[in-house]
Amino acid sequence: MSLMPFIKPTAAPVSYEIIGGGGAGGFGRSDKGEAYRGTYGASGGLSSVTFPTGTVTSAGATGGENCKGARGATGFAGAASAYGAGGGVTPRNTAGYAAPSASYGAGGAGGGGDNGSTYDSGGCSGGGGNAATQQAGTAIIPYGTTLTIIVGSKALGVGEVRGGNGANGYVKLIVDGTTHTYTTAGTFTLGIT
């Protein structure tokens, strides 16, 4: 009885999750501000992994609308990502809440508006930043291949009653049961087993 020779594998499956940076919340104003509608907070950065067969990307999310809400309104919450909630509803006259750092790719909250008073006409509030879309799948990669990883940065809020920051992007690779996570750019080489 002859035994079949052992054939050493030449490639392995690599599972991935990729998400870009979250968008910033739109800003609020202490006085009026309707003219800013139709302008938006900053967008997050793109995340990607380059495989031999091509590059998988998750674009950074777009920012929230500046002065989206009525005068004296609270700032809108940022959009949740696949990893968690965005920045929460923000009180009046308060800078937008940032997305939690572990909510990779989530949006920041809009800045709160101003109620106004006898001598102040009030100001509008900002819209919440958007969340990036997670890309996930599995690729078969030859041993010895080096993958290039880019991780998108969060968008930063600006303005008088500034919008909240989004959350940074994220990349996760799972190879042979081992998880490799990236919150900054890097490379990964699939070692020969």
N, C-alpha and C. Protein backbone atom coordinates (compact mmCIF):
# COMPACT_ATOMS: atom_id res chain seq x y z
N MET A 1 0.85 -1.20 0.00
CA MET A 1 0.00 0.00 0.00
C MET A 1 0.89 1.25 0.00
N SER A 2 0.69 2.08 -1.01
CA SER A 2 1.51 3.28 -1.12
C SER A 2 0.79 4.47 -0.48
N LEU A 3 1.57 5.33 0.15
CA LEU A 3 1.01 6.53 0.78
C LEU A 3 1.11 7.70 -0.17
N MET A 4 0.07 8.52 -0.17
CA MET A 4 0.10 9.74 -0.99
C MET A 4 1.11 10.71 -0.39
N PRO A 5 1.93 11.30 -1.21
CA PRO A 5 2.91 12.28 -0.68
C PRO A 5 2.19 13.51 -0.14
N PHE A 6 2.76 14.10 0.93
CA PHE A 6 2.20 15.33 1.49
C PHE A 6 2.55 16.51 0.59
N ILE A 7 1.54 17.22 0.20
CA ILE A 7 1.74 18.40 -0.65
C ILE A 7 1.58 19.64 0.21
N LYS A 8 2.65 20.37 0.35
CA LYS A 8 2.63 21.56 1.20
C LYS A 8 1.81 22.66 0.52
N PRO A 9 0.87 23.28 1.26
CA PRO A 9 0.06 24.33 0.64
C PRO A 9 0.93 25.53 0.23
N THR A 10 0.50 26.16 -0.83
CA THR A 10 1.23 27.33 -1.34
C THR A 10 0.51 28.64 -1.05
N ALA A 11 -0.70 28.56 -0.52
CA ALA A 11 -1.48 29.76 -0.25
C ALA A 11 -2.40 29.51 0.94
N ALA A 12 -2.92 30.58 1.49
CA ALA A 12 -3.82 30.48 2.64
C ALA A 12 -4.93 31.51 2.53
N PRO A 13 -6.11 31.24 3.11
CA PRO A 13 -7.18 32.25 3.12
C PRO A 13 -6.89 33.34 4.15
N VAL A 14 -7.14 34.56 3.76
CA VAL A 14 -7.01 35.72 4.65
C VAL A 14 -8.36 36.42 4.70
N SER A 15 -8.99 36.40 5.87
CA SER A 15 -10.24 37.13 6.05
C SER A 15 -9.93 38.56 6.45
N TYR A 16 -10.75 39.49 5.98
CA TYR A 16 -10.46 40.90 6.25
C TYR A 16 -11.73 41.66 6.59
N GLU A 17 -11.53 42.72 7.39
CA GLU A 17 -12.53 43.76 7.64
C GLU A 17 -11.83 45.09 7.45
N ILE A 18 -12.45 45.97 6.70
CA ILE A 18 -11.84 47.28 6.38
C ILE A 18 -12.91 48.35 6.53
N ILE A 19 -12.57 49.44 7.23
CA ILE A 19 -13.51 50.57 7.31
C ILE A 19 -12.72 51.87 7.31
N GLY A 20 -13.23 52.86 6.56
CA GLY A 20 -12.59 54.16 6.50
C GLY A 20 -12.90 55.02 7.71
N GLY A 21 -12.32 56.21 7.74
CA GLY A 21 -12.53 57.14 8.85
C GLY A 21 -13.92 57.76 8.83
N GLY A 22 -14.44 58.05 10.02
CA GLY A 22 -15.77 58.66 10.13
C GLY A 22 -15.76 60.14 9.81
N GLY A 23 -16.90 60.63 9.34
CA GLY A 23 -17.03 62.04 9.00
C GLY A 23 -17.25 62.93 10.23
N ALA A 24 -16.83 64.18 10.13
CA ALA A 24 -17.02 65.14 11.21
C ALA A 24 -18.45 65.66 11.23
N GLY A 25 -18.91 66.03 12.42
CA GLY A 25 -20.21 66.69 12.51
C GLY A 25 -20.15 68.09 11.93
N GLY A 26 -21.29 68.56 11.44
CA GLY A 26 -21.37 69.94 10.98
C GLY A 26 -21.36 70.91 12.15
N PHE A 27 -20.97 72.14 11.90
CA PHE A 27 -20.90 73.10 13.00
C PHE A 27 -22.26 73.77 13.26
N GLY A 28 -22.39 74.26 14.49
CA GLY A 28 -23.53 75.09 14.86
C GLY A 28 -23.09 76.55 14.94
N ARG A 29 -24.05 77.43 15.20
CA ARG A 29 -23.75 78.86 15.28
C ARG A 29 -24.42 79.47 16.50
N SER A 30 -23.82 80.55 17.00
CA SER A 30 -24.41 81.27 18.11
C SER A 30 -25.40 82.32 17.62
N ASP A 31 -25.39 82.59 16.31
CA ASP A 31 -26.30 83.60 15.76
C ASP A 31 -26.60 83.25 14.30
N LYS A 32 -27.87 83.06 14.01
CA LYS A 32 -28.33 82.78 12.65
C LYS A 32 -27.57 81.59 12.05
N GLY A 33 -27.03 81.73 10.83
CA GLY A 33 -26.21 80.69 10.23
C GLY A 33 -26.84 79.95 9.07
N GLU A 34 -28.08 80.27 8.71
CA GLU A 34 -28.75 79.54 7.63
C GLU A 34 -27.99 79.59 6.31
N ALA A 35 -27.19 80.62 6.11
CA ALA A 35 -26.42 80.73 4.87
C ALA A 35 -25.39 79.62 4.71
N TYR A 36 -25.05 78.95 5.82
CA TYR A 36 -24.07 77.87 5.75
C TYR A 36 -24.67 76.54 5.32
N ARG A 37 -26.00 76.47 5.28
CA ARG A 37 -26.62 75.21 4.86
C ARG A 37 -26.19 74.88 3.43
N GLY A 38 -26.00 73.59 3.19
CA GLY A 38 -25.46 73.16 1.90
C GLY A 38 -23.95 73.06 1.90
N THR A 39 -23.32 73.43 3.03
CA THR A 39 -21.88 73.17 3.22
C THR A 39 -21.76 72.08 4.29
N TYR A 40 -20.62 71.42 4.31
CA TYR A 40 -20.51 70.20 5.12
C TYR A 40 -19.18 70.12 5.86
N GLY A 41 -19.19 69.35 6.95
CA GLY A 41 -17.97 69.06 7.69
C GLY A 41 -17.03 68.19 6.85
N ALA A 42 -15.84 68.00 7.38
CA ALA A 42 -14.80 67.26 6.66
C ALA A 42 -15.12 65.77 6.56
N SER A 43 -14.56 65.15 5.53
CA SER A 43 -14.71 63.70 5.33
C SER A 43 -13.54 62.96 5.95
N GLY A 44 -13.79 61.72 6.38
CA GLY A 44 -12.72 60.87 6.89
C GLY A 44 -11.84 60.34 5.77
N GLY A 45 -10.75 59.70 6.16
CA GLY A 45 -9.79 59.16 5.20
C GLY A 45 -10.13 57.75 4.76
N LEU A 46 -9.59 57.37 3.62
CA LEU A 46 -9.82 56.04 3.03
C LEU A 46 -8.95 54.99 3.69
N SER A 47 -9.53 53.80 3.90
CA SER A 47 -8.77 52.63 4.36
C SER A 47 -8.73 51.61 3.24
N SER A 48 -7.64 50.84 3.17
CA SER A 48 -7.54 49.84 2.11
C SER A 48 -6.53 48.76 2.46
N VAL A 49 -6.67 47.63 1.80
CA VAL A 49 -5.67 46.57 1.82
C VAL A 49 -5.41 46.17 0.36
N THR A 50 -4.15 46.15 -0.02
CA THR A 50 -3.79 45.78 -1.38
C THR A 50 -3.37 44.32 -1.42
N PHE A 51 -4.17 43.50 -2.11
CA PHE A 51 -3.91 42.08 -2.31
C PHE A 51 -3.30 41.88 -3.70
N PRO A 52 -2.74 40.72 -3.97
CA PRO A 52 -2.19 40.48 -5.32
C PRO A 52 -3.23 40.63 -6.42
N THR A 53 -4.48 40.36 -6.10
CA THR A 53 -5.55 40.43 -7.10
C THR A 53 -6.20 41.80 -7.20
N GLY A 54 -5.81 42.73 -6.35
CA GLY A 54 -6.40 44.06 -6.38
C GLY A 54 -6.51 44.67 -5.00
N THR A 55 -7.03 45.87 -4.93
CA THR A 55 -7.13 46.61 -3.68
C THR A 55 -8.59 46.70 -3.25
N VAL A 56 -8.83 46.35 -1.98
CA VAL A 56 -10.16 46.50 -1.38
C VAL A 56 -10.14 47.78 -0.54
N THR A 57 -11.13 48.64 -0.75
CA THR A 57 -11.14 49.93 -0.07
C THR A 57 -12.46 50.19 0.63
N SER A 58 -12.39 51.03 1.65
CA SER A 58 -13.57 51.62 2.27
C SER A 58 -13.33 53.13 2.33
N ALA A 59 -14.12 53.87 1.57
CA ALA A 59 -13.94 55.32 1.52
C ALA A 59 -14.26 55.94 2.87
N GLY A 60 -13.57 57.04 3.17
CA GLY A 60 -13.92 57.79 4.37
C GLY A 60 -15.32 58.37 4.24
N ALA A 61 -16.02 58.49 5.36
CA ALA A 61 -17.39 58.99 5.35
C ALA A 61 -17.42 60.51 5.21
N THR A 62 -18.52 61.01 4.67
CA THR A 62 -18.69 62.45 4.50
C THR A 62 -19.14 63.10 5.81
N GLY A 63 -18.88 64.39 5.90
CA GLY A 63 -19.24 65.14 7.10
C GLY A 63 -20.70 65.54 7.12
N GLY A 64 -21.18 65.94 8.30
CA GLY A 64 -22.56 66.41 8.45
C GLY A 64 -22.74 67.81 7.92
N GLU A 65 -23.99 68.18 7.67
CA GLU A 65 -24.30 69.50 7.13
C GLU A 65 -24.13 70.57 8.21
N ASN A 66 -23.49 71.66 7.84
CA ASN A 66 -23.35 72.80 8.76
C ASN A 66 -24.70 73.51 8.90
N CYS A 67 -25.05 73.86 10.14
CA CYS A 67 -26.31 74.56 10.42
C CYS A 67 -27.52 73.85 9.82
N LYS A 68 -27.57 72.56 9.95
CA LYS A 68 -28.69 71.78 9.41
C LYS A 68 -29.98 72.02 10.17
N GLY A 69 -29.87 72.14 11.50
CA GLY A 69 -31.06 72.23 12.34
C GLY A 69 -31.57 73.65 12.52
N ALA A 70 -32.70 73.74 13.20
CA ALA A 70 -33.30 75.05 13.49
C ALA A 70 -32.47 75.81 14.51
N ARG A 71 -32.73 77.08 14.61
CA ARG A 71 -32.07 77.89 15.64
C ARG A 71 -32.47 77.37 17.02
N GLY A 72 -31.48 77.22 17.88
CA GLY A 72 -31.73 76.74 19.23
C GLY A 72 -31.90 75.24 19.35
N ALA A 73 -31.66 74.50 18.25
CA ALA A 73 -31.81 73.04 18.30
C ALA A 73 -30.53 72.38 18.82
N THR A 74 -30.69 71.18 19.34
CA THR A 74 -29.52 70.40 19.74
C THR A 74 -28.79 69.90 18.49
N GLY A 75 -27.50 69.59 18.65
CA GLY A 75 -26.73 69.05 17.55
C GLY A 75 -27.14 67.62 17.25
N PHE A 76 -27.21 67.26 15.98
CA PHE A 76 -27.63 65.93 15.58
C PHE A 76 -26.55 64.89 15.92
N ALA A 77 -26.98 63.68 16.26
CA ALA A 77 -26.03 62.60 16.56
C ALA A 77 -25.31 62.16 15.30
N GLY A 78 -24.07 61.70 15.47
CA GLY A 78 -23.32 61.12 14.37
C GLY A 78 -23.81 59.72 14.05
N ALA A 79 -23.61 59.29 12.82
CA ALA A 79 -24.07 57.97 12.39
C ALA A 79 -23.22 56.86 12.99
N ALA A 80 -23.87 55.75 13.34
CA ALA A 80 -23.17 54.58 13.86
C ALA A 80 -22.52 53.80 12.72
N SER A 81 -21.42 53.15 13.03
CA SER A 81 -20.75 52.28 12.08
C SER A 81 -20.99 50.82 12.47
N ALA A 82 -20.38 49.92 11.74
CA ALA A 82 -20.47 48.49 12.07
C ALA A 82 -19.85 48.18 13.43
N TYR A 83 -19.07 49.12 13.98
CA TYR A 83 -18.36 48.89 15.24
C TYR A 83 -18.95 49.62 16.44
N GLY A 84 -19.97 50.46 16.22
CA GLY A 84 -20.57 51.14 17.35
C GLY A 84 -21.16 52.48 17.01
N ALA A 85 -21.67 53.14 18.04
CA ALA A 85 -22.40 54.40 17.90
C ALA A 85 -21.49 55.56 17.52
N GLY A 86 -22.09 56.56 16.88
CA GLY A 86 -21.38 57.81 16.62
C GLY A 86 -21.49 58.74 17.82
N GLY A 87 -21.03 59.98 17.64
CA GLY A 87 -21.16 60.96 18.71
C GLY A 87 -22.62 61.21 19.04
N GLY A 88 -22.96 61.34 20.32
CA GLY A 88 -24.35 61.47 20.74
C GLY A 88 -24.91 62.86 20.52
N VAL A 89 -26.23 62.98 20.64
CA VAL A 89 -26.91 64.27 20.51
C VAL A 89 -26.25 65.28 21.44
N THR A 90 -25.94 66.45 20.90
CA THR A 90 -25.16 67.45 21.64
C THR A 90 -26.05 68.58 22.15
N PRO A 91 -25.89 69.00 23.40
CA PRO A 91 -26.70 70.09 23.93
C PRO A 91 -26.48 71.41 23.17
N ARG A 92 -27.39 72.33 23.37
CA ARG A 92 -27.27 73.66 22.76
C ARG A 92 -25.98 74.33 23.23
N ASN A 93 -25.42 75.14 22.37
CA ASN A 93 -24.22 75.93 22.67
C ASN A 93 -23.03 75.06 23.09
N THR A 94 -22.97 73.85 22.59
CA THR A 94 -21.91 72.91 22.98
C THR A 94 -21.29 72.30 21.73
N ALA A 95 -19.97 72.21 21.74
CA ALA A 95 -19.28 71.56 20.61
C ALA A 95 -19.75 70.12 20.46
N GLY A 96 -19.86 69.66 19.24
CA GLY A 96 -20.35 68.32 18.96
C GLY A 96 -19.52 67.24 19.63
N TYR A 97 -20.19 66.22 20.12
CA TYR A 97 -19.49 65.11 20.76
C TYR A 97 -18.76 64.27 19.70
N ALA A 98 -17.56 63.85 20.05
CA ALA A 98 -16.78 62.99 19.16
C ALA A 98 -17.33 61.57 19.17
N ALA A 99 -17.15 60.86 18.09
CA ALA A 99 -17.49 59.44 18.06
C ALA A 99 -16.54 58.68 18.99
N PRO A 100 -17.03 57.68 19.72
CA PRO A 100 -16.14 56.88 20.57
C PRO A 100 -15.01 56.26 19.75
N SER A 101 -13.83 56.21 20.34
CA SER A 101 -12.66 55.73 19.58
C SER A 101 -12.80 54.28 19.12
N ALA A 102 -13.54 53.45 19.88
CA ALA A 102 -13.73 52.05 19.49
C ALA A 102 -14.83 51.86 18.45
N SER A 103 -15.56 52.92 18.13
CA SER A 103 -16.61 52.86 17.09
C SER A 103 -15.99 53.20 15.74
N TYR A 104 -15.03 52.40 15.34
CA TYR A 104 -14.26 52.69 14.12
C TYR A 104 -15.17 53.08 12.95
N GLY A 105 -14.83 54.21 12.32
CA GLY A 105 -15.56 54.66 11.15
C GLY A 105 -16.85 55.40 11.41
N ALA A 106 -17.22 55.61 12.69
CA ALA A 106 -18.48 56.29 13.01
C ALA A 106 -18.33 57.81 12.88
N GLY A 107 -19.48 58.50 12.78
CA GLY A 107 -19.47 59.95 12.60
C GLY A 107 -19.55 60.73 13.89
N GLY A 108 -19.00 61.96 13.86
CA GLY A 108 -19.10 62.87 14.99
C GLY A 108 -20.43 63.59 14.99
N ALA A 109 -20.84 64.08 16.15
CA ALA A 109 -22.11 64.80 16.28
C ALA A 109 -21.97 66.24 15.80
N GLY A 110 -23.12 66.82 15.44
CA GLY A 110 -23.13 68.23 15.07
C GLY A 110 -23.04 69.13 16.28
N GLY A 111 -22.54 70.33 16.08
CA GLY A 111 -22.49 71.32 17.15
C GLY A 111 -23.87 71.83 17.49
N GLY A 112 -24.11 72.12 18.77
CA GLY A 112 -25.43 72.59 19.21
C GLY A 112 -25.69 74.04 18.80
N GLY A 113 -26.95 74.35 18.54
CA GLY A 113 -27.33 75.72 18.21
C GLY A 113 -27.53 76.56 19.46
N ASP A 114 -27.90 77.82 19.23
CA ASP A 114 -28.09 78.76 20.35
C ASP A 114 -29.56 79.18 20.42
N ASN A 115 -30.11 79.17 21.62
CA ASN A 115 -31.52 79.53 21.81
C ASN A 115 -31.83 80.98 21.48
N GLY A 116 -30.86 81.84 21.67
CA GLY A 116 -31.11 83.26 21.48
C GLY A 116 -31.72 83.90 22.73
N SER A 117 -31.90 85.22 22.65
CA SER A 117 -32.45 85.97 23.78
C SER A 117 -33.02 87.28 23.24
N THR A 118 -33.29 88.20 24.13
CA THR A 118 -33.86 89.48 23.70
C THR A 118 -32.97 90.18 22.68
N TYR A 119 -31.65 90.07 22.87
CA TYR A 119 -30.73 90.79 21.98
C TYR A 119 -29.98 89.85 21.04
N ASP A 120 -30.44 88.63 20.92
CA ASP A 120 -29.71 87.62 20.14
C ASP A 120 -30.74 86.77 19.40
N SER A 121 -30.57 86.65 18.11
CA SER A 121 -31.58 85.96 17.29
C SER A 121 -31.45 84.44 17.30
N GLY A 122 -30.44 83.92 17.98
CA GLY A 122 -30.28 82.46 18.02
C GLY A 122 -29.52 81.93 16.82
N GLY A 123 -28.99 80.72 16.96
CA GLY A 123 -28.21 80.12 15.88
C GLY A 123 -28.60 78.67 15.65
N CYS A 124 -28.37 78.22 14.43
CA CYS A 124 -28.78 76.87 14.05
C CYS A 124 -27.74 75.82 14.48
N SER A 125 -28.17 74.55 14.47
CA SER A 125 -27.31 73.46 14.93
C SER A 125 -26.79 72.63 13.76
N GLY A 126 -25.71 71.87 14.02
CA GLY A 126 -25.07 71.08 12.97
C GLY A 126 -25.62 69.68 12.84
N GLY A 127 -25.51 69.15 11.63
CA GLY A 127 -25.91 67.77 11.37
C GLY A 127 -24.82 66.79 11.75
N GLY A 128 -25.20 65.57 12.03
CA GLY A 128 -24.23 64.55 12.41
C GLY A 128 -23.41 64.07 11.22
N GLY A 129 -22.17 63.71 11.49
CA GLY A 129 -21.30 63.15 10.46
C GLY A 129 -21.74 61.74 10.08
N ASN A 130 -21.42 61.34 8.89
CA ASN A 130 -21.78 60.01 8.40
C ASN A 130 -20.74 58.97 8.80
N ALA A 131 -21.13 57.71 8.70
CA ALA A 131 -20.24 56.58 9.02
C ALA A 131 -19.75 55.92 7.74
N ALA A 132 -18.54 55.42 7.80
CA ALA A 132 -17.98 54.68 6.66
C ALA A 132 -18.62 53.29 6.59
N THR A 133 -18.55 52.70 5.42
CA THR A 133 -19.12 51.37 5.18
C THR A 133 -18.04 50.30 5.30
N GLN A 134 -18.28 49.32 6.14
CA GLN A 134 -17.32 48.23 6.31
C GLN A 134 -17.29 47.34 5.08
N GLN A 135 -16.10 46.97 4.66
CA GLN A 135 -15.91 45.98 3.60
C GLN A 135 -15.32 44.73 4.25
N ALA A 136 -15.89 43.56 3.96
CA ALA A 136 -15.43 42.33 4.58
C ALA A 136 -15.46 41.19 3.56
N GLY A 137 -14.55 40.24 3.72
CA GLY A 137 -14.50 39.10 2.81
C GLY A 137 -13.29 38.25 3.10
N THR A 138 -13.00 37.34 2.18
CA THR A 138 -11.85 36.45 2.30
C THR A 138 -11.13 36.37 0.95
N ALA A 139 -9.81 36.43 1.00
CA ALA A 139 -8.99 36.30 -0.21
C ALA A 139 -7.97 35.19 0.00
N ILE A 140 -7.67 34.46 -1.07
CA ILE A 140 -6.65 33.42 -1.03
C ILE A 140 -5.32 34.04 -1.43
N ILE A 141 -4.35 34.01 -0.53
CA ILE A 141 -3.09 34.72 -0.72
C ILE A 141 -1.91 33.74 -0.74
N PRO A 142 -1.02 33.82 -1.74
CA PRO A 142 0.17 32.96 -1.75
C PRO A 142 1.08 33.27 -0.56
N TYR A 143 1.67 32.24 0.01
CA TYR A 143 2.65 32.46 1.07
C TYR A 143 3.81 33.31 0.55
N GLY A 144 4.32 34.17 1.43
CA GLY A 144 5.41 35.07 1.06
C GLY A 144 4.93 36.41 0.54
N THR A 145 3.62 36.56 0.35
CA THR A 145 3.07 37.82 -0.16
C THR A 145 3.02 38.87 0.95
N THR A 146 3.37 40.10 0.61
CA THR A 146 3.25 41.22 1.54
C THR A 146 2.06 42.08 1.15
N LEU A 147 1.18 42.28 2.10
CA LEU A 147 -0.01 43.11 1.89
C LEU A 147 0.26 44.53 2.41
N THR A 148 -0.18 45.52 1.66
CA THR A 148 -0.02 46.92 2.06
C THR A 148 -1.34 47.43 2.64
N ILE A 149 -1.25 48.02 3.83
CA ILE A 149 -2.44 48.42 4.59
C ILE A 149 -2.42 49.92 4.81
N ILE A 150 -3.54 50.56 4.48
CA ILE A 150 -3.74 51.99 4.75
C ILE A 150 -4.95 52.12 5.66
N VAL A 151 -4.83 52.95 6.69
CA VAL A 151 -5.93 53.16 7.63
C VAL A 151 -6.32 54.64 7.59
N GLY A 152 -7.58 54.91 7.26
CA GLY A 152 -8.05 56.28 7.13
C GLY A 152 -8.17 56.99 8.47
N SER A 153 -7.79 58.26 8.48
CA SER A 153 -7.90 59.08 9.69
C SER A 153 -9.31 59.61 9.87
N LYS A 154 -9.67 59.87 11.12
CA LYS A 154 -10.95 60.51 11.41
C LYS A 154 -10.96 61.93 10.87
N ALA A 155 -12.15 62.41 10.54
CA ALA A 155 -12.30 63.82 10.17
C ALA A 155 -12.44 64.66 11.44
N LEU A 156 -11.88 65.86 11.39
CA LEU A 156 -11.89 66.75 12.55
C LEU A 156 -12.94 67.85 12.38
N GLY A 157 -13.70 68.10 13.44
CA GLY A 157 -14.72 69.13 13.40
C GLY A 157 -14.12 70.52 13.47
N VAL A 158 -14.82 71.48 12.86
CA VAL A 158 -14.39 72.89 12.86
C VAL A 158 -15.62 73.76 13.09
N GLY A 159 -15.40 75.08 13.14
CA GLY A 159 -16.51 76.02 13.17
C GLY A 159 -16.68 76.70 14.51
N GLU A 160 -17.62 77.65 14.54
CA GLU A 160 -17.84 78.45 15.76
C GLU A 160 -18.27 77.56 16.92
N VAL A 161 -19.35 76.79 16.74
CA VAL A 161 -19.71 75.73 17.69
C VAL A 161 -19.39 74.44 16.93
N ARG A 162 -18.15 74.03 17.08
CA ARG A 162 -17.61 73.06 16.13
C ARG A 162 -18.30 71.71 16.20
N GLY A 163 -18.27 71.04 15.05
CA GLY A 163 -18.78 69.68 15.00
C GLY A 163 -17.82 68.72 15.68
N GLY A 164 -18.34 67.55 16.06
CA GLY A 164 -17.51 66.54 16.71
C GLY A 164 -16.65 65.78 15.72
N ASN A 165 -15.53 65.27 16.20
CA ASN A 165 -14.64 64.46 15.37
C ASN A 165 -15.27 63.10 15.09
N GLY A 166 -15.00 62.57 13.91
CA GLY A 166 -15.36 61.19 13.61
C GLY A 166 -14.38 60.24 14.30
N ALA A 167 -14.58 58.94 14.09
CA ALA A 167 -13.67 57.93 14.61
C ALA A 167 -12.72 57.46 13.52
N ASN A 168 -11.51 57.09 13.92
CA ASN A 168 -10.54 56.60 12.95
C ASN A 168 -11.01 55.32 12.28
N GLY A 169 -10.40 55.05 11.13
CA GLY A 169 -10.67 53.80 10.43
C GLY A 169 -9.97 52.62 11.08
N TYR A 170 -10.09 51.46 10.45
CA TYR A 170 -9.63 50.22 11.08
C TYR A 170 -9.50 49.14 10.02
N VAL A 171 -8.50 48.28 10.22
CA VAL A 171 -8.33 47.11 9.36
C VAL A 171 -8.06 45.90 10.25
N LYS A 172 -8.73 44.79 9.96
CA LYS A 172 -8.49 43.54 10.67
C LYS A 172 -8.26 42.43 9.66
N LEU A 173 -7.21 41.65 9.90
CA LEU A 173 -6.91 40.46 9.10
C LEU A 173 -6.92 39.24 10.01
N ILE A 174 -7.49 38.15 9.54
CA ILE A 174 -7.47 36.90 10.28
C ILE A 174 -6.81 35.84 9.40
N VAL A 175 -5.69 35.30 9.90
CA VAL A 175 -4.91 34.32 9.15
C VAL A 175 -4.61 33.14 10.06
N ASP A 176 -4.97 31.95 9.62
CA ASP A 176 -4.71 30.73 10.40
C ASP A 176 -5.17 30.86 11.85
N GLY A 177 -6.32 31.50 12.05
CA GLY A 177 -6.89 31.64 13.38
C GLY A 177 -6.31 32.76 14.22
N THR A 178 -5.33 33.49 13.68
CA THR A 178 -4.71 34.61 14.40
C THR A 178 -5.22 35.93 13.84
N THR A 179 -5.61 36.84 14.73
CA THR A 179 -6.14 38.14 14.33
C THR A 179 -5.05 39.20 14.38
N HIS A 180 -4.96 39.98 13.32
CA HIS A 180 -4.01 41.10 13.23
C HIS A 180 -4.83 42.36 13.00
N THR A 181 -4.69 43.35 13.90
CA THR A 181 -5.47 44.58 13.77
C THR A 181 -4.55 45.77 13.50
N TYR A 182 -5.09 46.73 12.77
CA TYR A 182 -4.32 47.91 12.38
C TYR A 182 -5.16 49.16 12.60
N THR A 183 -4.59 50.12 13.33
CA THR A 183 -5.20 51.43 13.47
C THR A 183 -4.32 52.51 12.84
N THR A 184 -3.19 52.11 12.30
CA THR A 184 -2.33 52.97 11.50
C THR A 184 -1.83 52.14 10.32
N ALA A 185 -1.25 52.80 9.34
CA ALA A 185 -0.77 52.12 8.14
C ALA A 185 0.33 51.11 8.48
N GLY A 186 0.44 50.09 7.66
CA GLY A 186 1.46 49.08 7.89
C GLY A 186 1.50 48.06 6.76
N THR A 187 2.20 46.98 6.99
CA THR A 187 2.27 45.86 6.04
C THR A 187 2.09 44.56 6.80
N PHE A 188 1.70 43.53 6.07
CA PHE A 188 1.60 42.20 6.65
C PHE A 188 2.13 41.20 5.62
N THR A 189 3.09 40.37 6.04
CA THR A 189 3.64 39.34 5.17
C THR A 189 3.13 37.99 5.61
N LEU A 190 2.52 37.27 4.66
CA LEU A 190 1.99 35.94 4.96
C LEU A 190 3.14 34.95 4.97
N GLY A 191 3.56 34.54 6.20
CA GLY A 191 4.71 33.67 6.35
C GLY A 191 4.44 32.26 5.86
N ILE A 192 5.47 31.57 5.47
CA ILE A 192 5.38 30.19 5.02
C ILE A 192 5.27 29.30 6.24
N THR A 193 4.24 28.45 6.25
CA THR A 193 4.06 27.55 7.40
C THR A 193 4.59 26.17 7.08
